[in-house]
C-alpha atoms as a PDB file:
ATOM      1  CA  UNK A   1     184.521 171.755 151.959  1.00  0.00           C
ATOM      2  CA  UNK A   2     185.249 171.049 148.331  1.00  0.00           C
ATOM      3  CA  UNK A   3     182.658 170.739 145.626  1.00  0.00           C
ATOM      4  CA  UNK A   4     181.896 167.161 144.667  1.00  0.00           C
ATOM      5  CA  UNK A   5     181.874 166.578 140.935  1.00  0.00           C
ATOM      6  CA  UNK A   6     178.995 164.625 139.542  1.00  0.00           C
ATOM      7  CA  UNK A   7     179.078 162.076 136.786  1.00  0.00           C
ATOM      8  CA  UNK A   8     181.362 159.173 136.153  1.00  0.00           C
ATOM      9  CA  UNK A   9     184.337 158.679 133.997  1.00  0.00           C
ATOM     10  CA  UNK A  10     183.988 155.500 132.004  1.00  0.00           C
ATOM     11  CA  UNK A  11     185.893 153.911 129.191  1.00  0.00           C
ATOM     12  CA  UNK A  12     186.248 156.197 126.162  1.00  0.00           C
ATOM     13  CA  UNK A  13     183.835 155.384 123.374  1.00  0.00           C
ATOM     14  CA  UNK A  14     185.360 153.340 120.588  1.00  0.00           C
ATOM     15  CA  UNK A  15     185.277 155.651 117.536  1.00  0.00           C
ATOM     16  CA  UNK A  16     185.195 152.628 115.226  1.00  0.00           C
ATOM     17  CA  UNK A  17     182.469 150.745 117.078  1.00  0.00           C
ATOM     18  CA  UNK A  18     179.558 152.096 115.049  1.00  0.00           C
ATOM     19  CA  UNK A  19     181.284 151.396 111.756  1.00  0.00           C
ATOM     20  CA  UNK A  20     182.204 147.852 112.788  1.00  0.00           C
ATOM     21  CA  UNK A  21     178.685 147.155 113.990  1.00  0.00           C
ATOM     22  CA  UNK A  22     177.069 148.544 110.819  1.00  0.00           C
ATOM     23  CA  UNK A  23     179.373 146.414 108.689  1.00  0.00           C
ATOM     24  CA  UNK A  24     178.621 143.302 110.735  1.00  0.00           C
ATOM     25  CA  UNK A  25     174.863 143.918 110.668  1.00  0.00           C
ATOM     26  CA  UNK A  26     174.717 144.407 106.911  1.00  0.00           C
ATOM     27  CA  UNK A  27     176.970 141.433 106.161  1.00  0.00           C
ATOM     28  CA  UNK A  28     174.850 139.171 108.341  1.00  0.00           C
ATOM     29  CA  UNK A  29     171.566 140.514 107.030  1.00  0.00           C
ATOM     30  CA  UNK A  30     172.780 139.981 103.478  1.00  0.00           C
ATOM     31  CA  UNK A  31     173.761 136.396 104.328  1.00  0.00           C
ATOM     32  CA  UNK A  32     170.920 135.199 106.539  1.00  0.00           C
ATOM     33  CA  UNK A  33     168.140 137.812 106.405  1.00  0.00           C
ATOM     34  CA  UNK A  34     166.069 139.052 109.323  1.00  0.00           C
ATOM     35  CA  UNK A  35     165.511 135.699 111.093  1.00  0.00           C
ATOM     36  CA  UNK A  36     169.247 135.010 111.322  1.00  0.00           C
ATOM     37  CA  UNK A  37     170.240 138.485 112.455  1.00  0.00           C
ATOM     38  CA  UNK A  38     170.900 138.158 116.191  1.00  0.00           C
ATOM     39  CA  UNK A  39     172.758 140.182 118.814  1.00  0.00           C
ATOM     40  CA  UNK A  40     175.057 137.220 119.429  1.00  0.00           C
ATOM     41  CA  UNK A  41     176.029 136.976 115.763  1.00  0.00           C
ATOM     42  CA  UNK A  42     176.548 140.746 115.405  1.00  0.00           C
ATOM     43  CA  UNK A  43     178.633 140.895 118.587  1.00  0.00           C
ATOM     44  CA  UNK A  44     180.891 138.067 117.421  1.00  0.00           C
ATOM     45  CA  UNK A  45     181.426 139.490 113.951  1.00  0.00           C
ATOM     46  CA  UNK A  46     181.941 143.078 115.138  1.00  0.00           C
ATOM     47  CA  UNK A  47     184.134 141.993 118.090  1.00  0.00           C
ATOM     48  CA  UNK A  48     182.052 143.946 120.608  1.00  0.00           C
ATOM     49  CA  UNK A  49     180.185 142.989 123.745  1.00  0.00           C
ATOM     50  CA  UNK A  50     176.441 142.456 123.651  1.00  0.00           C
ATOM     51  CA  UNK A  51     176.047 145.008 126.456  1.00  0.00           C
ATOM     52  CA  UNK A  52     177.510 147.703 124.187  1.00  0.00           C
ATOM     53  CA  UNK A  53     175.084 146.727 121.451  1.00  0.00           C
ATOM     54  CA  UNK A  54     172.043 146.861 123.724  1.00  0.00           C
ATOM     55  CA  UNK A  55     173.150 150.219 125.115  1.00  0.00           C
ATOM     56  CA  UNK A  56     173.400 151.846 121.694  1.00  0.00           C
ATOM     57  CA  UNK A  57     170.739 149.806 119.857  1.00  0.00           C
ATOM     58  CA  UNK A  58     168.079 148.592 122.314  1.00  0.00           C
ATOM     59  CA  UNK A  59     166.115 146.674 119.663  1.00  0.00           C
ATOM     60  CA  UNK A  60     167.070 144.519 116.719  1.00  0.00           C
ATOM     61  CA  UNK A  61     164.886 146.736 114.535  1.00  0.00           C
ATOM     62  CA  UNK A  62     166.910 149.801 115.533  1.00  0.00           C
ATOM     63  CA  UNK A  63     170.129 147.897 114.901  1.00  0.00           C
ATOM     64  CA  UNK A  64     169.175 147.028 111.315  1.00  0.00           C
ATOM     65  CA  UNK A  65     167.539 150.309 110.359  1.00  0.00           C
ATOM     66  CA  UNK A  66     170.481 152.371 111.623  1.00  0.00           C
ATOM     67  CA  UNK A  67     172.882 150.266 109.564  1.00  0.00           C
ATOM     68  CA  UNK A  68     170.730 150.542 106.445  1.00  0.00           C
ATOM     69  CA  UNK A  69     170.360 154.300 106.845  1.00  0.00           C
ATOM     70  CA  UNK A  70     174.107 154.771 107.312  1.00  0.00           C
ATOM     71  CA  UNK A  71     175.269 152.723 104.340  1.00  0.00           C
ATOM     72  CA  UNK A  72     172.598 152.928 101.621  1.00  0.00           C
ATOM     73  CA  UNK A  73     172.931 156.430 100.245  1.00  0.00           C
ATOM     74  CA  UNK A  74     170.490 158.011  97.789  1.00  0.00           C
ATOM     75  CA  UNK A  75     171.505 158.572  94.186  1.00  0.00           C
ATOM     76  CA  UNK A  76     173.125 161.897  93.317  1.00  0.00           C
ATOM     77  CA  UNK A  77     171.214 163.006  90.241  1.00  0.00           C
ATOM     78  CA  UNK A  78     172.600 165.655  87.909  1.00  0.00           C
ATOM     79  CA  UNK A  79     171.161 168.464  85.806  1.00  0.00           C
ATOM     80  CA  UNK A  80     173.704 168.856  83.010  1.00  0.00           C
ATOM     81  CA  UNK A  81     171.269 170.306  80.486  1.00  0.00           C
ATOM     82  CA  UNK A  82     171.302 167.044  78.521  1.00  0.00           C
ATOM     83  CA  UNK A  83     168.751 164.300  79.115  1.00  0.00           C
ATOM     84  CA  UNK A  84     171.142 161.730  77.631  1.00  0.00           C
ATOM     85  CA  UNK A  85     173.996 162.639  79.972  1.00  0.00           C
ATOM     86  CA  UNK A  86     171.710 162.796  83.013  1.00  0.00           C
ATOM     87  CA  UNK A  87     170.170 159.395  82.272  1.00  0.00           C
ATOM     88  CA  UNK A  88     173.636 157.953  81.724  1.00  0.00           C
ATOM     89  CA  UNK A  89     174.712 159.309  85.094  1.00  0.00           C
ATOM     90  CA  UNK A  90     171.596 157.786  86.663  1.00  0.00           C
ATOM     91  CA  UNK A  91     172.303 154.396  85.074  1.00  0.00           C
ATOM     92  CA  UNK A  92     176.003 154.459  85.999  1.00  0.00           C
ATOM     93  CA  UNK A  93     175.223 155.268  89.619  1.00  0.00           C
ATOM     94  CA  UNK A  94     172.745 152.406  89.789  1.00  0.00           C
ATOM     95  CA  UNK A  95     175.357 150.042  88.365  1.00  0.00           C
ATOM     96  CA  UNK A  96     177.984 151.247  90.841  1.00  0.00           C
ATOM     97  CA  UNK A  97     175.551 150.863  93.720  1.00  0.00           C
ATOM     98  CA  UNK A  98     174.459 147.337  92.783  1.00  0.00           C
ATOM     99  CA  UNK A  99     178.071 146.256  92.269  1.00  0.00           C
ATOM    100  CA  UNK A 100     179.062 147.711  95.641  1.00  0.00           C
ATOM    101  CA  UNK A 101     179.015 145.912  98.989  1.00  0.00           C
ATOM    102  CA  UNK A 102     175.532 147.138  99.945  1.00  0.00           C
ATOM    103  CA  UNK A 103     173.864 146.990  96.536  1.00  0.00           C
ATOM    104  CA  UNK A 104     172.156 143.617  96.869  1.00  0.00           C
ATOM    105  CA  UNK A 105     170.778 144.625 100.254  1.00  0.00           C
ATOM    106  CA  UNK A 106     168.188 146.680  98.385  1.00  0.00           C
ATOM    107  CA  UNK A 107     166.851 143.514  96.781  1.00  0.00           C
ATOM    108  CA  UNK A 108     166.664 141.677 100.099  1.00  0.00           C
ATOM    109  CA  UNK A 109     164.911 144.642 101.692  1.00  0.00           C
ATOM    110  CA  UNK A 110     162.445 144.797  98.790  1.00  0.00           C
ATOM    111  CA  UNK A 111     161.601 141.110  99.209  1.00  0.00           C
ATOM    112  CA  UNK A 112     161.389 141.076 103.004  1.00  0.00           C
ATOM    113  CA  UNK A 113     159.451 144.357 103.116  1.00  0.00           C
ATOM    114  CA  UNK A 114     156.490 142.460 101.656  1.00  0.00           C
ATOM    115  CA  UNK A 115     156.436 140.151 104.663  1.00  0.00           C
ATOM    116  CA  UNK A 116     157.529 142.752 107.237  1.00  0.00           C
ATOM    117  CA  UNK A 117     156.151 146.101 106.047  1.00  0.00           C
ATOM    118  CA  UNK A 118     156.095 147.517 109.580  1.00  0.00           C
ATOM    119  CA  UNK A 119     159.872 147.033 109.822  1.00  0.00           C
ATOM    120  CA  UNK A 120     161.254 147.482 106.326  1.00  0.00           C
ATOM    121  CA  UNK A 121     158.473 149.411 104.601  1.00  0.00           C
ATOM    122  CA  UNK A 122     160.057 152.825 105.347  1.00  0.00           C
ATOM    123  CA  UNK A 123     163.423 151.706 103.971  1.00  0.00           C
ATOM    124  CA  UNK A 124     161.809 150.287 100.837  1.00  0.00           C
ATOM    125  CA  UNK A 125     159.996 153.592 100.349  1.00  0.00           C
ATOM    126  CA  UNK A 126     163.297 155.446 100.761  1.00  0.00           C
ATOM    127  CA  UNK A 127     164.921 153.361  98.051  1.00  0.00           C
ATOM    128  CA  UNK A 128     161.882 153.834  95.856  1.00  0.00           C
ATOM    129  CA  UNK A 129     161.989 157.612  96.250  1.00  0.00           C
ATOM    130  CA  UNK A 130     165.550 157.664  94.926  1.00  0.00           C
ATOM    131  CA  UNK A 131     164.340 155.976  91.732  1.00  0.00           C
ATOM    132  CA  UNK A 132     161.241 158.145  91.484  1.00  0.00           C
ATOM    133  CA  UNK A 133     163.406 161.257  91.779  1.00  0.00           C
ATOM    134  CA  UNK A 134     165.017 160.320  88.457  1.00  0.00           C
ATOM    135  CA  UNK A 135     161.734 161.165  86.735  1.00  0.00           C
ATOM    136  CA  UNK A 136     162.716 164.817  87.156  1.00  0.00           C
ATOM    137  CA  UNK A 137     165.357 164.214  84.460  1.00  0.00           C
ATOM    138  CA  UNK A 138     162.613 163.521  81.943  1.00  0.00           C
ATOM    139  CA  UNK A 139     160.438 166.405  83.117  1.00  0.00           C
ATOM    140  CA  UNK A 140     163.338 168.820  82.648  1.00  0.00           C
ATOM    141  CA  UNK A 141     164.002 167.398  79.183  1.00  0.00           C
ATOM    142  CA  UNK A 142     160.382 168.067  78.231  1.00  0.00           C
ATOM    143  CA  UNK A 143     160.652 171.647  79.484  1.00  0.00           C
ATOM    144  CA  UNK A 144     163.822 172.155  77.397  1.00  0.00           C
ATOM    145  CA  UNK A 145     162.207 170.662  74.314  1.00  0.00           C
ATOM    146  CA  UNK A 146     164.532 167.637  74.174  1.00  0.00           C
ATOM    147  CA  UNK A 147     161.563 165.309  74.542  1.00  0.00           C
ATOM    148  CA  UNK A 148     157.951 165.782  73.420  1.00  0.00           C
ATOM    149  CA  UNK A 149     155.347 166.751  76.050  1.00  0.00           C
ATOM    150  CA  UNK A 150     153.750 163.318  75.801  1.00  0.00           C
ATOM    151  CA  UNK A 151     156.931 161.455  76.782  1.00  0.00           C
ATOM    152  CA  UNK A 152     156.356 159.316  79.878  1.00  0.00           C
ATOM    153  CA  UNK A 153     158.782 159.996  82.720  1.00  0.00           C
ATOM    154  CA  UNK A 154     157.616 156.800  84.407  1.00  0.00           C
ATOM    155  CA  UNK A 155     158.290 154.600  81.386  1.00  0.00           C
ATOM    156  CA  UNK A 156     161.674 156.155  80.653  1.00  0.00           C
ATOM    157  CA  UNK A 157     163.037 155.754  84.182  1.00  0.00           C
ATOM    158  CA  UNK A 158     161.461 152.315  84.634  1.00  0.00           C
ATOM    159  CA  UNK A 159     163.058 151.099  81.406  1.00  0.00           C
ATOM    160  CA  UNK A 160     166.485 152.364  82.432  1.00  0.00           C
ATOM    161  CA  UNK A 161     166.326 151.143  86.041  1.00  0.00           C
ATOM    162  CA  UNK A 162     164.784 147.810  85.089  1.00  0.00           C
ATOM    163  CA  UNK A 163     167.257 147.123  82.303  1.00  0.00           C
ATOM    164  CA  UNK A 164     170.238 147.888  84.543  1.00  0.00           C
ATOM    165  CA  UNK A 165     169.107 145.466  87.240  1.00  0.00           C
ATOM    166  CA  UNK A 166     168.047 142.779  84.783  1.00  0.00           C
ATOM    167  CA  UNK A 167     171.381 142.986  82.960  1.00  0.00           C
ATOM    168  CA  UNK A 168     173.270 142.285  86.182  1.00  0.00           C
ATOM    169  CA  UNK A 169     170.925 139.531  87.335  1.00  0.00           C
ATOM    170  CA  UNK A 170     170.624 137.748  83.989  1.00  0.00           C
ATOM    171  CA  UNK A 171     174.334 137.611  83.111  1.00  0.00           C
ATOM    172  CA  UNK A 172     175.748 134.147  83.943  1.00  0.00           C
ATOM    173  CA  UNK A 173     178.782 134.017  86.175  1.00  0.00           C
ATOM    174  CA  UNK A 174     181.207 132.904  83.450  1.00  0.00           C
ATOM    175  CA  UNK A 175     180.299 135.971  81.378  1.00  0.00           C
ATOM    176  CA  UNK A 176     180.405 138.461  84.242  1.00  0.00           C
ATOM    177  CA  UNK A 177     183.897 139.818  83.607  1.00  0.00           C
ATOM    178  CA  UNK A 178     183.320 140.421  79.860  1.00  0.00           C
ATOM    179  CA  UNK A 179     179.977 142.027  80.747  1.00  0.00           C
ATOM    180  CA  UNK A 180     181.667 144.429  83.163  1.00  0.00           C
ATOM    181  CA  UNK A 181     184.252 145.387  80.549  1.00  0.00           C
ATOM    182  CA  UNK A 182     181.511 146.313  78.052  1.00  0.00           C
ATOM    183  CA  UNK A 183     179.172 147.842  80.602  1.00  0.00           C
ATOM    184  CA  UNK A 184     179.497 151.489  79.651  1.00  0.00           C
ATOM    185  CA  UNK A 185     178.917 150.701  75.976  1.00  0.00           C
ATOM    186  CA  UNK A 186     175.798 148.785  76.982  1.00  0.00           C
ATOM    187  CA  UNK A 187     174.529 151.742  79.033  1.00  0.00           C
ATOM    188  CA  UNK A 188     175.065 154.194  76.188  1.00  0.00           C
ATOM    189  CA  UNK A 189     173.150 151.946  73.775  1.00  0.00           C
ATOM    190  CA  UNK A 190     170.424 151.452  76.375  1.00  0.00           C
ATOM    191  CA  UNK A 191     169.929 155.187  76.914  1.00  0.00           C
ATOM    192  CA  UNK A 192     169.922 155.890  73.175  1.00  0.00           C
ATOM    193  CA  UNK A 193     167.300 153.195  72.579  1.00  0.00           C
ATOM    194  CA  UNK A 194     165.098 154.395  75.460  1.00  0.00           C
ATOM    195  CA  UNK A 195     165.227 158.013  74.261  1.00  0.00           C
ATOM    196  CA  UNK A 196     164.516 156.997  70.656  1.00  0.00           C
ATOM    197  CA  UNK A 197     161.517 155.046  71.869  1.00  0.00           C
ATOM    198  CA  UNK A 198     160.310 157.962  73.992  1.00  0.00           C
ATOM    199  CA  UNK A 199     160.312 160.182  70.901  1.00  0.00           C
ATOM    200  CA  UNK A 200     158.858 157.601  68.490  1.00  0.00           C
ATOM    201  CA  UNK A 201     155.989 156.597  70.775  1.00  0.00           C
ATOM    202  CA  UNK A 202     154.904 160.087  71.826  1.00  0.00           C
END
């Protein structure tokens, strides 16, 4: 008598399924928010069956959080030995992130996390930790003597992060292209002004 093999051989898993689903979820969430994010809409946009969605993501919460985790990466902060260069890198990464396809998701998450903290609170905290980590740039600068001991890491990073976001939000559409062309010059002036203020007010 032969040995009976257990298990079943099904259709091979689509290697692109997860990527397509994540893209569909984030596009829809960006367009319609949590109330409009449905399995039907995700399935249509990702060209997958709802059964495949339920099998991999049994709840809508899991569907959204997995997509957010996969596509919203933390900032890669540097330690170049120069507070100016490290803050410039921080500002440039924030700009690149906000101008990217997932950048504005952070703003939607921040807004909806107030109404749905049980769902989006952890993601909002994750985004916040990436910004808070930038305070280490200022602490290292104080240790090296680039900034006085009384310099505020909170104020420095808040000024940089806040100015970057405000600059993108406040620029009218007809000036967007010229703004992008002058962006790096703006960031250099911003960092120089913030550092001068950190020294003058300490």
